[in-house]
């Protein structure tokens, strides 16, 4: 395969909205509302990420707003009750932040989000300095690739790579991200591999493999 796999750096949002550890509650809420984001990284120094404040962190104050916290509740949810009584980013944030490297693959980023139940990840370099933000919607951008681009990549990196002698007998069609491979090839043992490699191309939704081996039906 000759094409470079998509990485987080390819789809991340480079314009980052962040707050300092000393930012107060209202400033954080105003920042989220202004930029229409659900979480903001907390940075210090030269942009090093030290935590993330999300809507969930801020809503704890509203959750406990109408009743006093009992001792049992404070013992059962110590972190939540501490945040409910806080007003600065450094006390409200979740730390350490779950981050991802720019060269991480999109599946790696997706697994991180799922494992930690977050909607976005700060992208940091080797020193922990913020480079961007990647969200769930960013990871879906690859599925907006034009069908003709997908077809060209599948033909170049799958068909021509696996079937150099019978590549002209293989048709590659893509409709709505769904790849259809059809035609005759000489080596039947490579057909399952062709399907797997085509499915691995970034932006492919599904693969329909109708390839047959020469002399077989």
C-alpha atoms as a PDB file:
ATOM      1  CA  UNK A   1       0.000   0.000   0.000  1.00  0.00           C
ATOM      2  CA  UNK A   2       1.477   3.329  -1.001  1.00  0.00           C
ATOM      3  CA  UNK A   3      -1.019   5.831   0.389  1.00  0.00           C
ATOM      4  CA  UNK A   4      -0.316   7.302   3.797  1.00  0.00           C
ATOM      5  CA  UNK A   5      -3.119   6.533   6.262  1.00  0.00           C
ATOM      6  CA  UNK A   6      -5.061   9.528   7.568  1.00  0.00           C
ATOM      7  CA  UNK A   7      -3.882  10.751  10.947  1.00  0.00           C
ATOM      8  CA  UNK A   8      -5.363  13.014  13.591  1.00  0.00           C
ATOM      9  CA  UNK A   9      -3.310  15.899  12.164  1.00  0.00           C
ATOM     10  CA  UNK A  10      -5.202  15.576   8.868  1.00  0.00           C
ATOM     11  CA  UNK A  11      -8.644  16.133  10.380  1.00  0.00           C
ATOM     12  CA  UNK A  12      -8.107  18.074  13.609  1.00  0.00           C
ATOM     13  CA  UNK A  13      -9.240  21.650  14.143  1.00  0.00           C
ATOM     14  CA  UNK A  14      -6.088  23.756  14.451  1.00  0.00           C
ATOM     15  CA  UNK A  15      -7.778  26.828  15.897  1.00  0.00           C
ATOM     16  CA  UNK A  16      -7.970  25.997  19.586  1.00  0.00           C
ATOM     17  CA  UNK A  17     -10.118  27.691  22.212  1.00  0.00           C
ATOM     18  CA  UNK A  18      -8.542  27.227  25.636  1.00  0.00           C
ATOM     19  CA  UNK A  19      -8.614  28.768  29.102  1.00  0.00           C
ATOM     20  CA  UNK A  20      -6.010  29.329  31.774  1.00  0.00           C
ATOM     21  CA  UNK A  21      -6.090  27.531  35.155  1.00  0.00           C
ATOM     22  CA  UNK A  22      -7.233  30.739  36.827  1.00  0.00           C
ATOM     23  CA  UNK A  23     -10.240  31.292  34.561  1.00  0.00           C
ATOM     24  CA  UNK A  24     -13.436  31.686  36.579  1.00  0.00           C
ATOM     25  CA  UNK A  25     -16.701  29.807  36.117  1.00  0.00           C
ATOM     26  CA  UNK A  26     -18.482  32.538  34.182  1.00  0.00           C
ATOM     27  CA  UNK A  27     -15.521  33.056  31.855  1.00  0.00           C
ATOM     28  CA  UNK A  28     -15.484  29.356  31.024  1.00  0.00           C
ATOM     29  CA  UNK A  29     -19.229  29.279  30.321  1.00  0.00           C
ATOM     30  CA  UNK A  30     -18.965  32.428  28.182  1.00  0.00           C
ATOM     31  CA  UNK A  31     -16.093  30.919  26.184  1.00  0.00           C
ATOM     32  CA  UNK A  32     -18.029  27.712  25.507  1.00  0.00           C
ATOM     33  CA  UNK A  33     -21.128  29.620  24.447  1.00  0.00           C
ATOM     34  CA  UNK A  34     -19.220  32.030  22.227  1.00  0.00           C
ATOM     35  CA  UNK A  35     -17.297  29.337  20.379  1.00  0.00           C
ATOM     36  CA  UNK A  36     -20.082  26.735  20.494  1.00  0.00           C
ATOM     37  CA  UNK A  37     -17.953  24.010  22.072  1.00  0.00           C
ATOM     38  CA  UNK A  38     -18.806  21.511  24.791  1.00  0.00           C
ATOM     39  CA  UNK A  39     -15.374  21.401  26.419  1.00  0.00           C
ATOM     40  CA  UNK A  40     -12.210  23.497  26.599  1.00  0.00           C
ATOM     41  CA  UNK A  41      -8.647  22.488  27.393  1.00  0.00           C
ATOM     42  CA  UNK A  42      -6.914  24.188  30.297  1.00  0.00           C
ATOM     43  CA  UNK A  43      -3.375  25.279  29.406  1.00  0.00           C
ATOM     44  CA  UNK A  44      -0.463  26.800  31.241  1.00  0.00           C
ATOM     45  CA  UNK A  45       3.002  28.015  30.361  1.00  0.00           C
ATOM     46  CA  UNK A  46       3.659  27.695  26.634  1.00  0.00           C
ATOM     47  CA  UNK A  47       0.412  25.921  25.897  1.00  0.00           C
ATOM     48  CA  UNK A  48       0.916  22.732  27.896  1.00  0.00           C
ATOM     49  CA  UNK A  49      -2.409  20.988  28.492  1.00  0.00           C
ATOM     50  CA  UNK A  50      -3.045  20.326  32.179  1.00  0.00           C
ATOM     51  CA  UNK A  51      -6.719  19.400  32.047  1.00  0.00           C
ATOM     52  CA  UNK A  52     -10.092  19.779  30.330  1.00  0.00           C
ATOM     53  CA  UNK A  53     -13.273  21.445  31.545  1.00  0.00           C
ATOM     54  CA  UNK A  54     -16.447  20.068  30.003  1.00  0.00           C
ATOM     55  CA  UNK A  55     -20.108  20.949  30.236  1.00  0.00           C
ATOM     56  CA  UNK A  56     -20.514  17.938  32.505  1.00  0.00           C
ATOM     57  CA  UNK A  57     -18.009  19.433  34.948  1.00  0.00           C
ATOM     58  CA  UNK A  58     -19.857  22.755  34.997  1.00  0.00           C
ATOM     59  CA  UNK A  59     -23.330  21.243  35.317  1.00  0.00           C
ATOM     60  CA  UNK A  60     -22.396  19.725  38.676  1.00  0.00           C
ATOM     61  CA  UNK A  61     -22.849  23.191  40.175  1.00  0.00           C
ATOM     62  CA  UNK A  62     -26.420  23.297  38.853  1.00  0.00           C
ATOM     63  CA  UNK A  63     -27.073  19.721  39.982  1.00  0.00           C
ATOM     64  CA  UNK A  64     -26.261  20.549  43.601  1.00  0.00           C
ATOM     65  CA  UNK A  65     -27.545  24.113  43.488  1.00  0.00           C
ATOM     66  CA  UNK A  66     -30.906  23.593  45.215  1.00  0.00           C
ATOM     67  CA  UNK A  67     -29.905  21.372  48.104  1.00  0.00           C
ATOM     68  CA  UNK A  68     -27.127  21.210  50.669  1.00  0.00           C
ATOM     69  CA  UNK A  69     -24.717  18.344  50.316  1.00  0.00           C
ATOM     70  CA  UNK A  70     -25.016  15.746  53.023  1.00  0.00           C
ATOM     71  CA  UNK A  71     -22.025  13.957  54.478  1.00  0.00           C
ATOM     72  CA  UNK A  72     -22.978  10.639  52.874  1.00  0.00           C
ATOM     73  CA  UNK A  73     -23.315  12.236  49.456  1.00  0.00           C
ATOM     74  CA  UNK A  74     -19.980  14.007  49.828  1.00  0.00           C
ATOM     75  CA  UNK A  75     -18.314  10.701  50.708  1.00  0.00           C
ATOM     76  CA  UNK A  76     -20.012   8.866  47.854  1.00  0.00           C
ATOM     77  CA  UNK A  77     -19.142  11.460  45.193  1.00  0.00           C
ATOM     78  CA  UNK A  78     -16.131  13.371  46.496  1.00  0.00           C
ATOM     79  CA  UNK A  79     -14.860  14.585  43.122  1.00  0.00           C
ATOM     80  CA  UNK A  80     -18.295  15.706  41.953  1.00  0.00           C
ATOM     81  CA  UNK A  81     -19.101  17.552  45.153  1.00  0.00           C
ATOM     82  CA  UNK A  82     -15.694  19.243  45.140  1.00  0.00           C
ATOM     83  CA  UNK A  83     -16.287  20.511  41.607  1.00  0.00           C
ATOM     84  CA  UNK A  84     -19.792  21.668  42.527  1.00  0.00           C
ATOM     85  CA  UNK A  85     -18.269  23.980  45.107  1.00  0.00           C
ATOM     86  CA  UNK A  86     -15.491  25.261  42.847  1.00  0.00           C
ATOM     87  CA  UNK A  87     -15.335  28.281  40.555  1.00  0.00           C
ATOM     88  CA  UNK A  88     -11.921  28.161  38.865  1.00  0.00           C
ATOM     89  CA  UNK A  89     -10.774  26.085  35.922  1.00  0.00           C
ATOM     90  CA  UNK A  90      -7.954  24.437  37.868  1.00  0.00           C
ATOM     91  CA  UNK A  91     -10.490  23.065  40.366  1.00  0.00           C
ATOM     92  CA  UNK A  92     -13.224  22.255  37.859  1.00  0.00           C
ATOM     93  CA  UNK A  93     -11.109  20.514  35.231  1.00  0.00           C
ATOM     94  CA  UNK A  94     -10.631  16.812  34.731  1.00  0.00           C
ATOM     95  CA  UNK A  95      -6.933  16.110  35.105  1.00  0.00           C
ATOM     96  CA  UNK A  96      -4.792  14.652  33.728  1.00  0.00           C
ATOM     97  CA  UNK A  97      -6.399  15.339  30.364  1.00  0.00           C
ATOM     98  CA  UNK A  98      -6.958  12.526  27.900  1.00  0.00           C
ATOM     99  CA  UNK A  99      -4.919  13.627  24.885  1.00  0.00           C
ATOM    100  CA  UNK A 100      -3.833  12.246  21.542  1.00  0.00           C
ATOM    101  CA  UNK A 101      -0.752  12.731  19.366  1.00  0.00           C
ATOM    102  CA  UNK A 102      -0.980  14.367  15.906  1.00  0.00           C
ATOM    103  CA  UNK A 103       0.344  11.226  14.213  1.00  0.00           C
ATOM    104  CA  UNK A 104      -2.184   8.904  15.875  1.00  0.00           C
ATOM    105  CA  UNK A 105      -4.490   7.057  13.511  1.00  0.00           C
ATOM    106  CA  UNK A 106      -8.183   7.874  13.358  1.00  0.00           C
ATOM    107  CA  UNK A 107      -9.170   4.470  14.818  1.00  0.00           C
ATOM    108  CA  UNK A 108      -6.801   5.102  17.750  1.00  0.00           C
ATOM    109  CA  UNK A 109      -8.458   8.462  18.431  1.00  0.00           C
ATOM    110  CA  UNK A 110     -11.919   6.929  18.159  1.00  0.00           C
ATOM    111  CA  UNK A 111     -11.002   4.184  20.636  1.00  0.00           C
ATOM    112  CA  UNK A 112      -9.665   6.760  23.097  1.00  0.00           C
ATOM    113  CA  UNK A 113     -12.901   8.741  22.901  1.00  0.00           C
ATOM    114  CA  UNK A 114     -14.995   5.625  23.415  1.00  0.00           C
ATOM    115  CA  UNK A 115     -12.878   4.301  26.277  1.00  0.00           C
ATOM    116  CA  UNK A 116     -12.961   7.591  28.190  1.00  0.00           C
ATOM    117  CA  UNK A 117     -16.470   8.615  27.092  1.00  0.00           C
ATOM    118  CA  UNK A 118     -15.394  12.007  25.761  1.00  0.00           C
ATOM    119  CA  UNK A 119     -16.484  13.867  22.637  1.00  0.00           C
ATOM    120  CA  UNK A 120     -13.203  15.606  21.835  1.00  0.00           C
ATOM    121  CA  UNK A 121      -9.506  15.254  22.529  1.00  0.00           C
ATOM    122  CA  UNK A 122      -6.753  17.869  22.793  1.00  0.00           C
ATOM    123  CA  UNK A 123      -3.999  17.092  20.295  1.00  0.00           C
ATOM    124  CA  UNK A 124      -0.562  17.582  21.859  1.00  0.00           C
ATOM    125  CA  UNK A 125       3.046  17.282  20.764  1.00  0.00           C
ATOM    126  CA  UNK A 126       5.777  15.362  22.560  1.00  0.00           C
ATOM    127  CA  UNK A 127       6.092  18.100  25.177  1.00  0.00           C
ATOM    128  CA  UNK A 128       2.389  18.197  25.947  1.00  0.00           C
ATOM    129  CA  UNK A 129       1.840  21.512  24.124  1.00  0.00           C
ATOM    130  CA  UNK A 130      -1.488  21.832  22.376  1.00  0.00           C
ATOM    131  CA  UNK A 131      -1.543  21.580  18.575  1.00  0.00           C
ATOM    132  CA  UNK A 132      -5.263  21.298  17.933  1.00  0.00           C
ATOM    133  CA  UNK A 133      -8.530  19.657  18.894  1.00  0.00           C
ATOM    134  CA  UNK A 134     -10.080  16.558  17.357  1.00  0.00           C
ATOM    135  CA  UNK A 135     -13.775  15.817  17.817  1.00  0.00           C
ATOM    136  CA  UNK A 136     -16.111  13.027  16.860  1.00  0.00           C
ATOM    137  CA  UNK A 137     -17.306  15.049  13.879  1.00  0.00           C
ATOM    138  CA  UNK A 138     -13.689  15.542  12.759  1.00  0.00           C
ATOM    139  CA  UNK A 139     -13.173  11.777  12.680  1.00  0.00           C
ATOM    140  CA  UNK A 140     -16.158  11.494  10.338  1.00  0.00           C
ATOM    141  CA  UNK A 141     -14.655  13.901   7.792  1.00  0.00           C
ATOM    142  CA  UNK A 142     -12.963  11.053   5.930  1.00  0.00           C
ATOM    143  CA  UNK A 143     -16.391   9.760   4.922  1.00  0.00           C
ATOM    144  CA  UNK A 144     -16.878  12.956   2.911  1.00  0.00           C
ATOM    145  CA  UNK A 145     -14.141  11.963   0.473  1.00  0.00           C
ATOM    146  CA  UNK A 146     -15.440  11.994  -3.131  1.00  0.00           C
ATOM    147  CA  UNK A 147     -16.304   8.619  -4.627  1.00  0.00           C
ATOM    148  CA  UNK A 148     -13.837   9.178  -7.468  1.00  0.00           C
ATOM    149  CA  UNK A 149     -10.992   9.682  -4.986  1.00  0.00           C
ATOM    150  CA  UNK A 150     -11.878   6.450  -3.215  1.00  0.00           C
ATOM    151  CA  UNK A 151     -12.086   4.583  -6.521  1.00  0.00           C
ATOM    152  CA  UNK A 152      -8.680   5.875  -7.606  1.00  0.00           C
ATOM    153  CA  UNK A 153      -7.080   4.845  -4.314  1.00  0.00           C
ATOM    154  CA  UNK A 154      -8.639   1.379  -4.311  1.00  0.00           C
ATOM    155  CA  UNK A 155      -7.529   0.807  -7.902  1.00  0.00           C
ATOM    156  CA  UNK A 156      -3.989   2.054  -7.281  1.00  0.00           C
ATOM    157  CA  UNK A 157      -3.310   0.578  -3.849  1.00  0.00           C
ATOM    158  CA  UNK A 158      -5.417  -2.568  -3.911  1.00  0.00           C
ATOM    159  CA  UNK A 159      -6.146  -3.768  -7.439  1.00  0.00           C
ATOM    160  CA  UNK A 160      -2.843  -2.854  -9.073  1.00  0.00           C
ATOM    161  CA  UNK A 161      -0.916  -4.015  -6.020  1.00  0.00           C
ATOM    162  CA  UNK A 162      -2.582  -7.419  -5.676  1.00  0.00           C
ATOM    163  CA  UNK A 163      -3.483  -8.201  -9.289  1.00  0.00           C
ATOM    164  CA  UNK A 164      -0.768  -6.708 -11.510  1.00  0.00           C
ATOM    165  CA  UNK A 165      -1.381  -9.206 -14.323  1.00  0.00           C
ATOM    166  CA  UNK A 166      -5.179  -9.045 -14.373  1.00  0.00           C
ATOM    167  CA  UNK A 167      -5.748  -5.479 -13.180  1.00  0.00           C
ATOM    168  CA  UNK A 168      -7.389  -4.463 -16.446  1.00  0.00           C
ATOM    169  CA  UNK A 169     -10.068  -7.118 -15.936  1.00  0.00           C
ATOM    170  CA  UNK A 170     -11.091  -5.666 -12.568  1.00  0.00           C
ATOM    171  CA  UNK A 171     -13.733  -2.952 -12.319  1.00  0.00           C
ATOM    172  CA  UNK A 172     -13.862  -0.602  -9.327  1.00  0.00           C
ATOM    173  CA  UNK A 173     -17.105   1.274  -8.737  1.00  0.00           C
ATOM    174  CA  UNK A 174     -17.877   3.507  -5.775  1.00  0.00           C
ATOM    175  CA  UNK A 175     -21.314   4.845  -4.930  1.00  0.00           C
ATOM    176  CA  UNK A 176     -21.881   6.752  -1.708  1.00  0.00           C
ATOM    177  CA  UNK A 177     -18.667   5.372  -0.265  1.00  0.00           C
ATOM    178  CA  UNK A 178     -19.641   1.762  -1.030  1.00  0.00           C
ATOM    179  CA  UNK A 179     -16.976   0.035  -3.134  1.00  0.00           C
ATOM    180  CA  UNK A 180     -17.873  -2.711  -5.610  1.00  0.00           C
ATOM    181  CA  UNK A 181     -15.075  -4.877  -6.993  1.00  0.00           C
ATOM    182  CA  UNK A 182     -15.965  -7.031  -9.971  1.00  0.00           C
ATOM    183  CA  UNK A 183     -14.226  -8.962 -12.741  1.00  0.00           C
ATOM    184  CA  UNK A 184     -11.881 -11.905 -13.125  1.00  0.00           C
ATOM    185  CA  UNK A 185      -8.481 -12.348 -11.504  1.00  0.00           C
ATOM    186  CA  UNK A 186      -5.840 -15.030 -11.818  1.00  0.00           C
ATOM    187  CA  UNK A 187      -5.175 -15.662  -8.124  1.00  0.00           C
ATOM    188  CA  UNK A 188      -8.273 -16.597  -6.136  1.00  0.00           C
ATOM    189  CA  UNK A 189      -6.351 -16.634  -2.853  1.00  0.00           C
ATOM    190  CA  UNK A 190      -5.940 -12.847  -3.017  1.00  0.00           C
ATOM    191  CA  UNK A 191      -9.636 -12.058  -3.337  1.00  0.00           C
ATOM    192  CA  UNK A 192     -10.345 -12.026   0.453  1.00  0.00           C
ATOM    193  CA  UNK A 193      -7.276  -9.837   0.962  1.00  0.00           C
ATOM    194  CA  UNK A 194      -8.492  -7.418  -1.712  1.00  0.00           C
ATOM    195  CA  UNK A 195     -11.783  -7.031   0.127  1.00  0.00           C
ATOM    196  CA  UNK A 196     -10.040  -6.399   3.455  1.00  0.00           C
ATOM    197  CA  UNK A 197      -7.627  -3.838   1.997  1.00  0.00           C
ATOM    198  CA  UNK A 198     -10.401  -2.003   0.169  1.00  0.00           C
ATOM    199  CA  UNK A 199     -12.419  -1.858   3.378  1.00  0.00           C
ATOM    200  CA  UNK A 200      -9.395  -0.374   5.171  1.00  0.00           C
ATOM    201  CA  UNK A 201      -9.185   2.618   2.808  1.00  0.00           C
ATOM    202  CA  UNK A 202     -10.091   5.765   4.754  1.00  0.00           C
ATOM    203  CA  UNK A 203     -13.597   6.900   3.882  1.00  0.00           C
ATOM    204  CA  UNK A 204     -14.890   3.577   2.564  1.00  0.00           C
ATOM    205  CA  UNK A 205     -18.296   2.770   4.039  1.00  0.00           C
ATOM    206  CA  UNK A 206     -18.620  -0.822   2.823  1.00  0.00           C
ATOM    207  CA  UNK A 207     -17.237  -3.230   0.210  1.00  0.00           C
ATOM    208  CA  UNK A 208     -19.075  -5.561  -2.122  1.00  0.00           C
ATOM    209  CA  UNK A 209     -16.661  -8.068  -3.574  1.00  0.00           C
ATOM    210  CA  UNK A 210     -17.850  -9.744  -6.778  1.00  0.00           C
ATOM    211  CA  UNK A 211     -14.424 -10.852  -7.950  1.00  0.00           C
ATOM    212  CA  UNK A 212     -14.084 -14.352  -9.388  1.00  0.00           C
ATOM    213  CA  UNK A 213     -11.066 -16.460 -10.260  1.00  0.00           C
ATOM    214  CA  UNK A 214     -10.433 -17.212 -13.920  1.00  0.00           C
ATOM    215  CA  UNK A 215     -11.974 -20.493 -14.876  1.00  0.00           C
ATOM    216  CA  UNK A 216     -14.318 -20.476 -11.870  1.00  0.00           C
ATOM    217  CA  UNK A 217     -17.838 -19.202 -11.296  1.00  0.00           C
END
